C-alpha atoms as a PDB file:
ATOM      1  CA  MET A   1      78.069 -69.858-114.784  1.00  0.00           C
ATOM      2  CA  LYS A   2      75.991 -67.453-117.008  1.00  0.00           C
ATOM      3  CA  LEU A   3      73.287 -65.344-115.562  1.00  0.00           C
ATOM      4  CA  GLU A   4      70.756 -67.078-117.812  1.00  0.00           C
ATOM      5  CA  ARG A   5      71.611 -70.087-116.553  1.00  0.00           C
ATOM      6  CA  LEU A   6      71.428 -69.296-112.828  1.00  0.00           C
ATOM      7  CA  TYR A   7      67.908 -68.034-113.678  1.00  0.00           C
ATOM      8  CA  GLU A   8      66.843 -70.967-115.243  1.00  0.00           C
ATOM      9  CA  LEU A   9      68.124 -73.103-112.206  1.00  0.00           C
ATOM     10  CA  ALA A  10      66.168 -70.789-109.651  1.00  0.00           C
ATOM     11  CA  ILE A  11      62.933 -71.445-111.908  1.00  0.00           C
ATOM     12  CA  GLU A  12      63.731 -75.137-112.168  1.00  0.00           C
ATOM     13  CA  LYS A  13      63.986 -75.278-108.540  1.00  0.00           C
ATOM     14  CA  GLY A  14      60.962 -73.138-107.701  1.00  0.00           C
ATOM     15  CA  ILE A  15      58.786 -75.681-109.965  1.00  0.00           C
ATOM     16  CA  ARG A  16      60.409 -78.437-108.051  1.00  0.00           C
ATOM     17  CA  GLU A  17      59.460 -77.508-104.931  1.00  0.00           C
ATOM     18  CA  ASP A  18      55.785 -76.085-105.591  1.00  0.00           C
ATOM     19  CA  GLN A  19      53.222 -77.862-103.930  1.00  0.00           C
ATOM     20  CA  ARG A  20      50.612 -77.608-106.626  1.00  0.00           C
ATOM     21  CA  PRO A  21      50.054 -80.652-109.214  1.00  0.00           C
ATOM     22  CA  LYS A  22      52.815 -80.320-111.957  1.00  0.00           C
ATOM     23  CA  LYS A  23      49.812 -80.318-114.414  1.00  0.00           C
ATOM     24  CA  GLU A  24      48.597 -76.951-113.087  1.00  0.00           C
ATOM     25  CA  ILE A  25      51.743 -75.268-113.318  1.00  0.00           C
ATOM     26  CA  GLU A  26      51.899 -76.470-117.070  1.00  0.00           C
ATOM     27  CA  GLU A  27      48.331 -75.344-117.552  1.00  0.00           C
ATOM     28  CA  ALA A  28      49.425 -71.837-116.276  1.00  0.00           C
ATOM     29  CA  LEU A  29      52.182 -71.658-118.772  1.00  0.00           C
ATOM     30  CA  LYS A  30      49.870 -72.528-121.462  1.00  0.00           C
ATOM     31  CA  GLU A  31      47.544 -69.864-120.545  1.00  0.00           C
ATOM     32  CA  ALA A  32      50.431 -67.369-120.829  1.00  0.00           C
ATOM     33  CA  LYS A  33      51.328 -68.617-124.351  1.00  0.00           C
ATOM     34  CA  LYS A  34      47.896 -68.442-125.452  1.00  0.00           C
ATOM     35  CA  ALA A  35      47.649 -64.797-124.144  1.00  0.00           C
ATOM     36  CA  TYR A  36      50.792 -63.940-126.019  1.00  0.00           C
ATOM     37  CA  ARG A  37      49.386 -65.285-129.170  1.00  0.00           C
ATOM     38  CA  LYS A  38      46.131 -63.206-129.051  1.00  0.00           C
ATOM     39  CA  ALA A  39      47.934 -59.848-127.975  1.00  0.00           C
ATOM     40  CA  LYS A  40      48.304 -57.372-130.592  1.00  0.00           C
ATOM     41  CA  GLY A  41      50.132 -53.900-131.244  1.00  0.00           C
ATOM     42  CA  ALA A  42      51.126 -52.173-128.016  1.00  0.00           C
ATOM     43  CA  ASP A  43      50.129 -55.224-125.979  1.00  0.00           C
ATOM     44  CA  LYS A  44      52.138 -57.876-127.753  1.00  0.00           C
ATOM     45  CA  ALA A  45      55.326 -55.267-127.360  1.00  0.00           C
ATOM     46  CA  ALA A  46      54.938 -54.910-124.010  1.00  0.00           C
ATOM     47  CA  PHE A  47      54.064 -58.693-123.011  1.00  0.00           C
ATOM     48  CA  ASP A  48      56.409 -60.179-120.422  1.00  0.00           C
ATOM     49  CA  LYS A  49      57.867 -62.867-122.524  1.00  0.00           C
ATOM     50  CA  ASP A  50      59.264 -64.661-119.218  1.00  0.00           C
ATOM     51  CA  SER A  51      55.949 -65.618-118.391  1.00  0.00           C
ATOM     52  CA  LEU A  52      56.228 -68.043-121.356  1.00  0.00           C
ATOM     53  CA  PHE A  53      58.589 -70.329-119.402  1.00  0.00           C
ATOM     54  CA  ASN A  54      58.716 -68.831-115.772  1.00  0.00           C
ATOM     55  CA  PRO A  55      55.345 -69.240-113.737  1.00  0.00           C
ATOM     56  CA  TYR A  56      56.618 -66.925-111.151  1.00  0.00           C
ATOM     57  CA  ALA A  57      55.898 -63.204-111.899  1.00  0.00           C
ATOM     58  CA  ASP A  58      57.874 -61.819-109.226  1.00  0.00           C
ATOM     59  CA  THR A  59      61.273 -63.629-110.095  1.00  0.00           C
ATOM     60  CA  ARG A  60      62.945 -61.951-112.779  1.00  0.00           C
ATOM     61  CA  ILE A  61      66.177 -60.702-114.213  1.00  0.00           C
ATOM     62  CA  LEU A  62      65.666 -57.020-113.659  1.00  0.00           C
ATOM     63  CA  PHE A  63      69.231 -55.934-115.407  1.00  0.00           C
ATOM     64  CA  GLY A  64      71.471 -57.879-117.443  1.00  0.00           C
ATOM     65  CA  SER A  65      71.657 -59.236-120.785  1.00  0.00           C
ATOM     66  CA  GLY A  66      71.649 -62.911-119.189  1.00  0.00           C
ATOM     67  CA  LYS A  67      75.228 -63.593-121.047  1.00  0.00           C
ATOM     68  CA  GLU A  68      77.268 -62.286-118.029  1.00  0.00           C
ATOM     69  CA  GLU A  69      79.516 -64.707-116.398  1.00  0.00           C
ATOM     70  CA  ILE A  70      78.718 -65.103-112.482  1.00  0.00           C
ATOM     71  CA  LYS A  71      81.280 -66.104-109.877  1.00  0.00           C
ATOM     72  CA  THR A  72      80.495 -63.850-107.247  1.00  0.00           C
ATOM     73  CA  VAL A  73      76.972 -62.555-105.952  1.00  0.00           C
ATOM     74  CA  MET A  74      75.857 -60.156-103.515  1.00  0.00           C
ATOM     75  CA  VAL A  75      72.760 -61.430-101.979  1.00  0.00           C
ATOM     76  CA  GLY A  76      70.392 -59.932 -99.416  1.00  0.00           C
ATOM     77  CA  ILE A  77      66.774 -60.400 -98.548  1.00  0.00           C
ATOM     78  CA  ASP A  78      65.962 -56.465 -99.567  1.00  0.00           C
ATOM     79  CA  MET A  79      68.398 -54.934-102.134  1.00  0.00           C
ATOM     80  CA  GLU A  80      67.285 -51.740-103.423  1.00  0.00           C
ATOM     81  CA  ALA A  81      69.047 -48.594-104.524  1.00  0.00           C
ATOM     82  CA  ALA A  82      71.103 -48.126-101.543  1.00  0.00           C
ATOM     83  CA  GLU A  83      72.460 -51.926-101.524  1.00  0.00           C
ATOM     84  CA  LEU A  84      73.218 -51.306-105.093  1.00  0.00           C
ATOM     85  CA  VAL A  85      75.346 -48.337-104.282  1.00  0.00           C
ATOM     86  CA  LEU A  86      77.147 -49.941-101.672  1.00  0.00           C
ATOM     87  CA  ALA A  87      77.752 -52.891-104.440  1.00  0.00           C
ATOM     88  CA  ASP A  88      79.297 -50.365-106.321  1.00  0.00           C
ATOM     89  CA  ARG A  89      81.172 -48.674-103.513  1.00  0.00           C
ATOM     90  CA  LEU A  90      82.642 -52.379-102.443  1.00  0.00           C
ATOM     91  CA  ARG A  91      83.483 -52.793-106.146  1.00  0.00           C
ATOM     92  CA  GLU A  92      85.535 -49.524-106.443  1.00  0.00           C
ATOM     93  CA  LYS A  93      87.471 -51.069-103.214  1.00  0.00           C
ATOM     94  CA  GLY A  94      88.296 -53.817-105.142  1.00  0.00           C
ATOM     95  CA  GLU A  95      85.706 -56.267-104.242  1.00  0.00           C
ATOM     96  CA  LYS A  96      84.558 -58.407-107.433  1.00  0.00           C
ATOM     97  CA  ILE A  97      80.742 -58.502-107.887  1.00  0.00           C
ATOM     98  CA  ASP A  98      79.070 -60.000-110.782  1.00  0.00           C
ATOM     99  CA  LEU A  99      75.699 -59.972-109.677  1.00  0.00           C
ATOM    100  CA  VAL A 100      73.278 -58.352-107.098  1.00  0.00           C
ATOM    101  CA  ILE A 101      70.237 -60.716-105.983  1.00  0.00           C
ATOM    102  CA  SER A 102      67.343 -59.531-103.957  1.00  0.00           C
ATOM    103  CA  HIS A 103      65.047 -62.002-102.400  1.00  0.00           C
ATOM    104  CA  HIS A 104      61.829 -59.647-102.442  1.00  0.00           C
ATOM    105  CA  PRO A 105      60.916 -58.489-105.648  1.00  0.00           C
ATOM    106  CA  GLU A 106      61.636 -55.053-107.173  1.00  0.00           C
ATOM    107  CA  GLY A 107      60.947 -53.248-110.370  1.00  0.00           C
ATOM    108  CA  ARG A 108      58.446 -55.075-112.784  1.00  0.00           C
ATOM    109  CA  ALA A 109      58.543 -58.137-110.404  1.00  0.00           C
ATOM    110  CA  LEU A 110      57.169 -56.166-107.619  1.00  0.00           C
ATOM    111  CA  ALA A 111      54.499 -54.924-109.904  1.00  0.00           C
ATOM    112  CA  GLN A 112      53.321 -58.338-110.543  1.00  0.00           C
ATOM    113  CA  LEU A 113      53.139 -59.585-107.043  1.00  0.00           C
ATOM    114  CA  HIS A 114      49.556 -60.251-107.094  1.00  0.00           C
ATOM    115  CA  LYS A 115      50.046 -62.718-109.940  1.00  0.00           C
ATOM    116  CA  VAL A 116      51.622 -65.306-107.773  1.00  0.00           C
ATOM    117  CA  MET A 117      48.822 -65.337-105.081  1.00  0.00           C
ATOM    118  CA  GLY A 118      46.683 -67.937-106.804  1.00  0.00           C
ATOM    119  CA  ILE A 119      49.273 -70.434-105.314  1.00  0.00           C
ATOM    120  CA  GLN A 120      47.589 -70.077-101.939  1.00  0.00           C
ATOM    121  CA  PRO A 121      44.239 -71.176-102.403  1.00  0.00           C
ATOM    122  CA  ARG A 122      45.431 -74.258-104.271  1.00  0.00           C
ATOM    123  CA  LEU A 123      47.223 -75.344-100.858  1.00  0.00           C
ATOM    124  CA  TRP A 124      44.092 -74.670 -98.854  1.00  0.00           C
ATOM    125  CA  GLU A 125      42.480 -77.177-101.228  1.00  0.00           C
ATOM    126  CA  LYS A 126      44.643 -79.984 -99.541  1.00  0.00           C
ATOM    127  CA  TYR A 127      42.593 -79.293 -96.227  1.00  0.00           C
ATOM    128  CA  GLY A 128      39.298 -80.097 -98.117  1.00  0.00           C
ATOM    129  CA  ILE A 129      38.330 -76.373 -99.086  1.00  0.00           C
ATOM    130  CA  SER A 130      36.774 -76.350-102.541  1.00  0.00           C
ATOM    131  CA  ARG A 131      38.167 -74.554-105.264  1.00  0.00           C
ATOM    132  CA  LYS A 132      35.507 -72.234-105.487  1.00  0.00           C
ATOM    133  CA  VAL A 133      35.459 -71.096-102.033  1.00  0.00           C
ATOM    134  CA  ALA A 134      39.252 -71.079-101.955  1.00  0.00           C
ATOM    135  CA  ASP A 135      39.375 -68.770-105.075  1.00  0.00           C
ATOM    136  CA  GLY A 136      36.466 -66.643-104.020  1.00  0.00           C
ATOM    137  CA  LEU A 137      38.185 -66.094-100.585  1.00  0.00           C
ATOM    138  CA  MET A 138      41.489 -65.012-102.499  1.00  0.00           C
ATOM    139  CA  GLN A 139      40.042 -62.686-105.045  1.00  0.00           C
ATOM    140  CA  GLU A 140      39.408 -59.632-102.900  1.00  0.00           C
ATOM    141  CA  ARG A 141      42.828 -59.834-101.452  1.00  0.00           C
ATOM    142  CA  VAL A 142      44.521 -60.372-104.838  1.00  0.00           C
ATOM    143  CA  GLU A 143      42.879 -57.035-105.900  1.00  0.00           C
ATOM    144  CA  GLU A 144      43.909 -55.313-102.738  1.00  0.00           C
ATOM    145  CA  VAL A 145      47.435 -56.085-103.368  1.00  0.00           C
ATOM    146  CA  SER A 146      47.200 -55.239-106.810  1.00  0.00           C
ATOM    147  CA  ARG A 147      45.890 -51.825-105.800  1.00  0.00           C
ATOM    148  CA  GLY A 148      48.394 -51.417-103.136  1.00  0.00           C
ATOM    149  CA  VAL A 149      51.596 -52.055-105.281  1.00  0.00           C
ATOM    150  CA  SER A 150      50.471 -50.231-108.525  1.00  0.00           C
ATOM    151  CA  PRO A 151      51.141 -46.637-107.504  1.00  0.00           C
ATOM    152  CA  ALA A 152      54.652 -47.602-106.470  1.00  0.00           C
ATOM    153  CA  ASN A 153      57.795 -46.075-108.219  1.00  0.00           C
ATOM    154  CA  HIS A 154      58.858 -49.626-109.321  1.00  0.00           C
ATOM    155  CA  THR A 155      61.719 -48.975-111.463  1.00  0.00           C
ATOM    156  CA  ARG A 156      64.070 -46.982-108.938  1.00  0.00           C
ATOM    157  CA  PRO A 157      66.207 -50.035-108.007  1.00  0.00           C
ATOM    158  CA  GLU A 158      66.109 -51.032-111.799  1.00  0.00           C
ATOM    159  CA  ASP A 159      67.418 -47.879-112.814  1.00  0.00           C
ATOM    160  CA  ALA A 160      70.162 -47.750-110.206  1.00  0.00           C
ATOM    161  CA  ALA A 161      71.423 -51.233-111.457  1.00  0.00           C
ATOM    162  CA  ARG A 162      71.164 -49.986-114.888  1.00  0.00           C
ATOM    163  CA  LEU A 163      73.160 -46.599-114.322  1.00  0.00           C
ATOM    164  CA  LEU A 164      75.704 -48.424-112.251  1.00  0.00           C
ATOM    165  CA  LYS A 165      75.885 -51.255-114.781  1.00  0.00           C
ATOM    166  CA  ILE A 166      75.385 -53.916-112.106  1.00  0.00           C
ATOM    167  CA  PRO A 167      73.293 -57.066-113.233  1.00  0.00           C
ATOM    168  CA  PHE A 168      70.478 -57.496-110.760  1.00  0.00           C
ATOM    169  CA  MET A 169      67.539 -60.127-110.075  1.00  0.00           C
ATOM    170  CA  CYS A 170      65.117 -61.089-107.705  1.00  0.00           C
ATOM    171  CA  THR A 171      64.182 -64.538-106.599  1.00  0.00           C
ATOM    172  CA  HIS A 172      60.943 -64.278-104.575  1.00  0.00           C
ATOM    173  CA  THR A 173      58.461 -67.243-104.956  1.00  0.00           C
ATOM    174  CA  VAL A 174      60.774 -69.605-106.256  1.00  0.00           C
ATOM    175  CA  ALA A 175      62.483 -69.207-102.895  1.00  0.00           C
ATOM    176  CA  ASP A 176      59.388 -69.173-100.863  1.00  0.00           C
ATOM    177  CA  ASN A 177      58.369 -72.371-102.435  1.00  0.00           C
ATOM    178  CA  CYS A 178      61.648 -73.869-101.098  1.00  0.00           C
ATOM    179  CA  VAL A 179      61.021 -72.937 -97.395  1.00  0.00           C
ATOM    180  CA  ALA A 180      57.369 -73.718 -97.589  1.00  0.00           C
ATOM    181  CA  ASN A 181      57.868 -77.463 -98.802  1.00  0.00           C
ATOM    182  CA  TYR A 182      60.787 -78.002 -96.717  1.00  0.00           C
ATOM    183  CA  LEU A 183      58.975 -76.935 -93.530  1.00  0.00           C
ATOM    184  CA  GLN A 184      55.801 -78.622 -94.432  1.00  0.00           C
ATOM    185  CA  LYS A 185      57.679 -81.897 -94.815  1.00  0.00           C
ATOM    186  CA  LEU A 186      59.346 -81.398 -91.679  1.00  0.00           C
ATOM    187  CA  PHE A 187      56.471 -80.855 -89.732  1.00  0.00           C
ATOM    188  CA  ASP A 188      54.305 -83.655 -91.385  1.00  0.00           C
ATOM    189  CA  ALA A 189      57.091 -86.255 -90.720  1.00  0.00           C
ATOM    190  CA  LYS A 190      57.850 -85.285 -87.253  1.00  0.00           C
ATOM    191  CA  LYS A 191      54.029 -84.643 -86.108  1.00  0.00           C
ATOM    192  CA  PRO A 192      54.907 -82.362 -83.205  1.00  0.00           C
ATOM    193  CA  LYS A 193      52.467 -83.163 -80.285  1.00  0.00           C
ATOM    194  CA  THR A 194      52.819 -79.650 -78.349  1.00  0.00           C
ATOM    195  CA  MET A 195      53.176 -76.085 -79.562  1.00  0.00           C
ATOM    196  CA  GLU A 196      56.597 -76.569 -77.653  1.00  0.00           C
ATOM    197  CA  ASN A 197      57.635 -79.431 -79.714  1.00  0.00           C
ATOM    198  CA  ALA A 198      56.649 -77.504 -82.876  1.00  0.00           C
ATOM    199  CA  LEU A 199      58.634 -74.664 -81.677  1.00  0.00           C
ATOM    200  CA  ASN A 200      61.855 -76.426 -80.955  1.00  0.00           C
ATOM    201  CA  LEU A 201      61.866 -78.046 -84.608  1.00  0.00           C
ATOM    202  CA  LEU A 202      62.390 -74.481 -85.858  1.00  0.00           C
ATOM    203  CA  LYS A 203      65.211 -73.775 -83.186  1.00  0.00           C
ATOM    204  CA  LYS A 204      67.124 -76.595 -84.754  1.00  0.00           C
ATOM    205  CA  ILE A 205      67.503 -75.301 -87.970  1.00  0.00           C
ATOM    206  CA  PRO A 206      70.624 -72.927 -88.311  1.00  0.00           C
ATOM    207  CA  GLU A 207      69.030 -70.148 -89.910  1.00  0.00           C
ATOM    208  CA  PHE A 208      66.327 -69.668 -87.105  1.00  0.00           C
ATOM    209  CA  ARG A 209      68.976 -70.355 -84.833  1.00  0.00           C
ATOM    210  CA  ASN A 210      70.995 -67.399 -86.222  1.00  0.00           C
ATOM    211  CA  ALA A 211      67.969 -65.084 -86.077  1.00  0.00           C
ATOM    212  CA  MET A 212      67.571 -65.809 -82.105  1.00  0.00           C
ATOM    213  CA  LYS A 213      70.943 -64.169 -81.716  1.00  0.00           C
ATOM    214  CA  ASN A 214      69.450 -61.074 -83.160  1.00  0.00           C
ATOM    215  CA  ASN A 215      66.407 -61.372 -81.246  1.00  0.00           C
ATOM    216  CA  ALA A 216      64.399 -62.170 -84.143  1.00  0.00           C
ATOM    217  CA  GLY A 217      63.753 -65.919 -83.974  1.00  0.00           C
ATOM    218  CA  PRO A 218      60.687 -68.296 -83.807  1.00  0.00           C
ATOM    219  CA  TYR A 219      58.299 -67.609 -81.078  1.00  0.00           C
ATOM    220  CA  ILE A 220      54.563 -68.684 -80.232  1.00  0.00           C
ATOM    221  CA  LEU A 221      52.067 -65.799 -81.148  1.00  0.00           C
ATOM    222  CA  ILE A 222      48.886 -67.597 -80.161  1.00  0.00           C
ATOM    223  CA  GLY A 223      48.608 -70.472 -77.936  1.00  0.00           C
ATOM    224  CA  LYS A 224      50.767 -71.906 -75.073  1.00  0.00           C
ATOM    225  CA  ALA A 225      54.125 -74.221 -74.911  1.00  0.00           C
ATOM    226  CA  GLY A 226      51.752 -77.235 -74.004  1.00  0.00           C
ATOM    227  CA  ASP A 227      48.857 -76.672 -76.004  1.00  0.00           C
ATOM    228  CA  PRO A 228      48.210 -79.661 -78.793  1.00  0.00           C
ATOM    229  CA  ALA A 229      49.840 -78.629 -81.957  1.00  0.00           C
ATOM    230  CA  GLY A 230      47.158 -80.820 -83.839  1.00  0.00           C
ATOM    231  CA  LYS A 231      47.635 -80.694 -87.689  1.00  0.00           C
ATOM    232  CA  VAL A 232      50.247 -78.043 -88.926  1.00  0.00           C
ATOM    233  CA  PHE A 233      49.884 -75.749 -91.931  1.00  0.00           C
ATOM    234  CA  VAL A 234      53.017 -73.959 -92.975  1.00  0.00           C
ATOM    235  CA  ASP A 235      51.840 -70.633 -94.547  1.00  0.00           C
ATOM    236  CA  MET A 236      54.804 -69.273 -96.176  1.00  0.00           C
ATOM    237  CA  THR A 237      54.420 -68.620-100.209  1.00  0.00           C
ATOM    238  CA  GLY A 238      52.119 -67.058-102.537  1.00  0.00           C
ATOM    239  CA  GLY A 239      53.614 -63.709-102.803  1.00  0.00           C
ATOM    240  CA  THR A 240      52.232 -62.057 -99.508  1.00  0.00           C
ATOM    241  CA  SER A 241      49.952 -62.571 -96.616  1.00  0.00           C
ATOM    242  CA  GLY A 242      46.197 -64.366 -97.657  1.00  0.00           C
ATOM    243  CA  PRO A 243      42.983 -63.035 -96.683  1.00  0.00           C
ATOM    244  CA  ASP A 244      41.997 -62.877 -93.182  1.00  0.00           C
ATOM    245  CA  ARG A 245      38.871 -65.213 -93.622  1.00  0.00           C
ATOM    246  CA  MET A 246      40.830 -68.022 -94.519  1.00  0.00           C
ATOM    247  CA  PHE A 247      41.605 -68.648 -90.966  1.00  0.00           C
ATOM    248  CA  GLY A 248      38.010 -69.553 -90.362  1.00  0.00           C
ATOM    249  CA  ARG A 249      37.951 -72.078 -93.320  1.00  0.00           C
ATOM    250  CA  ILE A 250      41.082 -73.996 -92.571  1.00  0.00           C
ATOM    251  CA  SER A 251      40.130 -74.177 -88.884  1.00  0.00           C
ATOM    252  CA  GLN A 252      37.115 -75.719 -89.885  1.00  0.00           C
ATOM    253  CA  ALA A 253      39.148 -77.873 -92.063  1.00  0.00           C
ATOM    254  CA  GLY A 254      41.025 -79.427 -89.166  1.00  0.00           C
ATOM    255  CA  VAL A 255      44.224 -77.229 -89.062  1.00  0.00           C
ATOM    256  CA  GLY A 256      45.362 -76.703 -85.376  1.00  0.00           C
ATOM    257  CA  THR A 257      48.419 -74.707 -85.843  1.00  0.00           C
ATOM    258  CA  ILE A 258      49.790 -72.169 -88.572  1.00  0.00           C
ATOM    259  CA  ILE A 259      53.719 -71.807 -89.100  1.00  0.00           C
ATOM    260  CA  GLY A 260      53.966 -68.464 -90.538  1.00  0.00           C
ATOM    261  CA  MET A 261      56.675 -65.564 -91.441  1.00  0.00           C
ATOM    262  CA  HIS A 262      54.545 -63.055 -89.792  1.00  0.00           C
ATOM    263  CA  CYS A 263      51.036 -61.990 -89.223  1.00  0.00           C
ATOM    264  CA  LYS A 264      49.518 -58.897 -89.730  1.00  0.00           C
ATOM    265  CA  GLU A 265      47.010 -57.380 -86.660  1.00  0.00           C
ATOM    266  CA  THR A 266      43.875 -58.307 -88.320  1.00  0.00           C
ATOM    267  CA  GLY A 267      45.029 -61.734 -89.359  1.00  0.00           C
ATOM    268  CA  TYR A 268      46.333 -62.359 -85.850  1.00  0.00           C
ATOM    269  CA  LYS A 269      42.965 -61.058 -84.268  1.00  0.00           C
ATOM    270  CA  MET A 270      40.876 -63.572 -86.679  1.00  0.00           C
ATOM    271  CA  ALA A 271      43.208 -66.523 -86.065  1.00  0.00           C
ATOM    272  CA  LYS A 272      42.690 -66.123 -82.313  1.00  0.00           C
ATOM    273  CA  ALA A 273      38.850 -65.537 -82.539  1.00  0.00           C
ATOM    274  CA  GLU A 274      39.002 -69.108 -84.212  1.00  0.00           C
ATOM    275  CA  PHE A 275      40.893 -70.595 -81.327  1.00  0.00           C
ATOM    276  CA  MET A 276      43.888 -71.461 -83.796  1.00  0.00           C
ATOM    277  CA  ASN A 277      47.516 -71.804 -82.630  1.00  0.00           C
ATOM    278  CA  TYR A 278      50.031 -69.657 -84.540  1.00  0.00           C
ATOM    279  CA  ILE A 279      53.971 -69.856 -84.625  1.00  0.00           C
ATOM    280  CA  ILE A 280      55.812 -66.790 -85.999  1.00  0.00           C
ATOM    281  CA  ALA A 281      59.250 -68.351 -87.411  1.00  0.00           C
ATOM    282  CA  GLY A 282      60.445 -65.019 -88.435  1.00  0.00           C
ATOM    283  CA  HIS A 283      60.406 -63.119 -91.573  1.00  0.00           C
ATOM    284  CA  ILE A 284      64.146 -62.606 -92.611  1.00  0.00           C
ATOM    285  CA  ALA A 285      65.057 -66.105 -91.092  1.00  0.00           C
ATOM    286  CA  SER A 286      62.456 -68.029 -93.186  1.00  0.00           C
ATOM    287  CA  ASP A 287      63.462 -65.932 -96.358  1.00  0.00           C
ATOM    288  CA  THR A 288      67.169 -66.782 -95.879  1.00  0.00           C
ATOM    289  CA  LEU A 289      66.331 -70.422 -95.470  1.00  0.00           C
ATOM    290  CA  GLY A 290      64.466 -70.397 -98.826  1.00  0.00           C
ATOM    291  CA  MET A 291      67.185 -68.631-100.470  1.00  0.00           C
ATOM    292  CA  ASN A 292      69.684 -70.989 -99.203  1.00  0.00           C
ATOM    293  CA  LEU A 293      67.738 -74.021-100.174  1.00  0.00           C
ATOM    294  CA  LEU A 294      67.642 -72.489-103.583  1.00  0.00           C
ATOM    295  CA  PHE A 295      71.387 -71.559-103.843  1.00  0.00           C
ATOM    296  CA  ASP A 296      72.081 -75.275-102.734  1.00  0.00           C
ATOM    297  CA  HIS A 297      70.312 -76.164-105.867  1.00  0.00           C
ATOM    298  CA  ILE A 298      71.854 -73.675-107.980  1.00  0.00           C
ATOM    299  CA  GLU A 299      75.273 -74.647-106.909  1.00  0.00           C
ATOM    300  CA  LYS A 300      74.778 -78.248-107.283  1.00  0.00           C
ATOM    301  CA  LYS A 301      73.789 -77.969-111.036  1.00  0.00           C
ATOM    302  CA  GLY A 302      75.651 -74.662-111.853  1.00  0.00           C
ATOM    303  CA  GLY A 303      78.897 -74.671-109.745  1.00  0.00           C
ATOM    304  CA  LYS A 304      80.144 -72.981-106.757  1.00  0.00           C
ATOM    305  CA  LEU A 305      79.355 -69.288-106.155  1.00  0.00           C
ATOM    306  CA  ASN A 306      81.251 -66.809-103.844  1.00  0.00           C
ATOM    307  CA  PHE A 307      78.743 -65.006-101.730  1.00  0.00           C
ATOM    308  CA  ILE A 308      78.880 -61.423-100.151  1.00  0.00           C
ATOM    309  CA  GLU A 309      75.973 -61.534 -97.428  1.00  0.00           C
ATOM    310  CA  CYS A 310      73.921 -58.614 -96.973  1.00  0.00           C
ATOM    311  CA  SER A 311      70.642 -57.189 -95.909  1.00  0.00           C
ATOM    312  CA  GLY A 312      69.692 -60.068 -93.255  1.00  0.00           C
ATOM    313  CA  PHE A 313      71.010 -63.026 -95.616  1.00  0.00           C
ATOM    314  CA  ARG A 314      73.662 -65.339 -94.266  1.00  0.00           C
ATOM    315  CA  ARG A 315      74.810 -68.363 -96.446  1.00  0.00           C
ATOM    316  CA  VAL A 316      74.308 -71.723 -94.984  1.00  0.00           C
ATOM    317  CA  ARG A 317      75.088 -74.611 -97.080  1.00  0.00           C
ATOM    318  CA  ARG A 318      73.448 -78.350 -96.696  1.00  0.00           C
END
């Protein structure tokens, strides 16, 4: 399939798995079009036109015209300059590689990471948190992330891809939407009674079983095996970790257990203070599950691809 088609299918799947109302996603695209119409001069020339049809600022073709024919992809969770040089070395040895795909954002997609964080407060609304409170809780964290990524040398991997002439893209929130929705539906359907039951649901999934072999599988961070799980909230999309104050609000809203990819130390302390249960599913394993669900859709609609697995990713088809 063409690179532009692969990109379109990734966006299509990301929107399909997005837990926000479709009307809200359409509104975000309308706002982008409105901003483009109003932009002038240098702002117009630099405007990210992908935002007119792609609501996920951290998912982009970083190098490539879109017209390239894609049959073999080298995929990893983190693909930077070193992995692009590895791809070039493999091509020198005769390996056909048409595209390198990173899960985590690079280049201009990383610079825009904070723009996808608005997904998180919309999910909290499902638990009775008002929009005003949810947005207020998130705003400070969005600004913090924006400040954090702004000084980075974003173009290094993009430049490596350009110099090596290797098409390069990243698929971040589109894949995170897949894993978040998949696991939320699983826990909503199974309604595990205890933390051990919840943990065992994860251990039945191939990506998490594979991670266990590398000592990176799911585990209980806060709570005990026999503790009641209560209402389970899967916190795995929206760019990066949210504000610590969120734990108090969703605890009051009735959430008993959080299933997350990871948890920073300040968040751990806050969740523990709120007497919440917390299961770490595993960062790389969760990202791999999301990527596999994304690729299942891409292959179903666009045709089978050959995969070179790299940087923590392992292809599992469903």
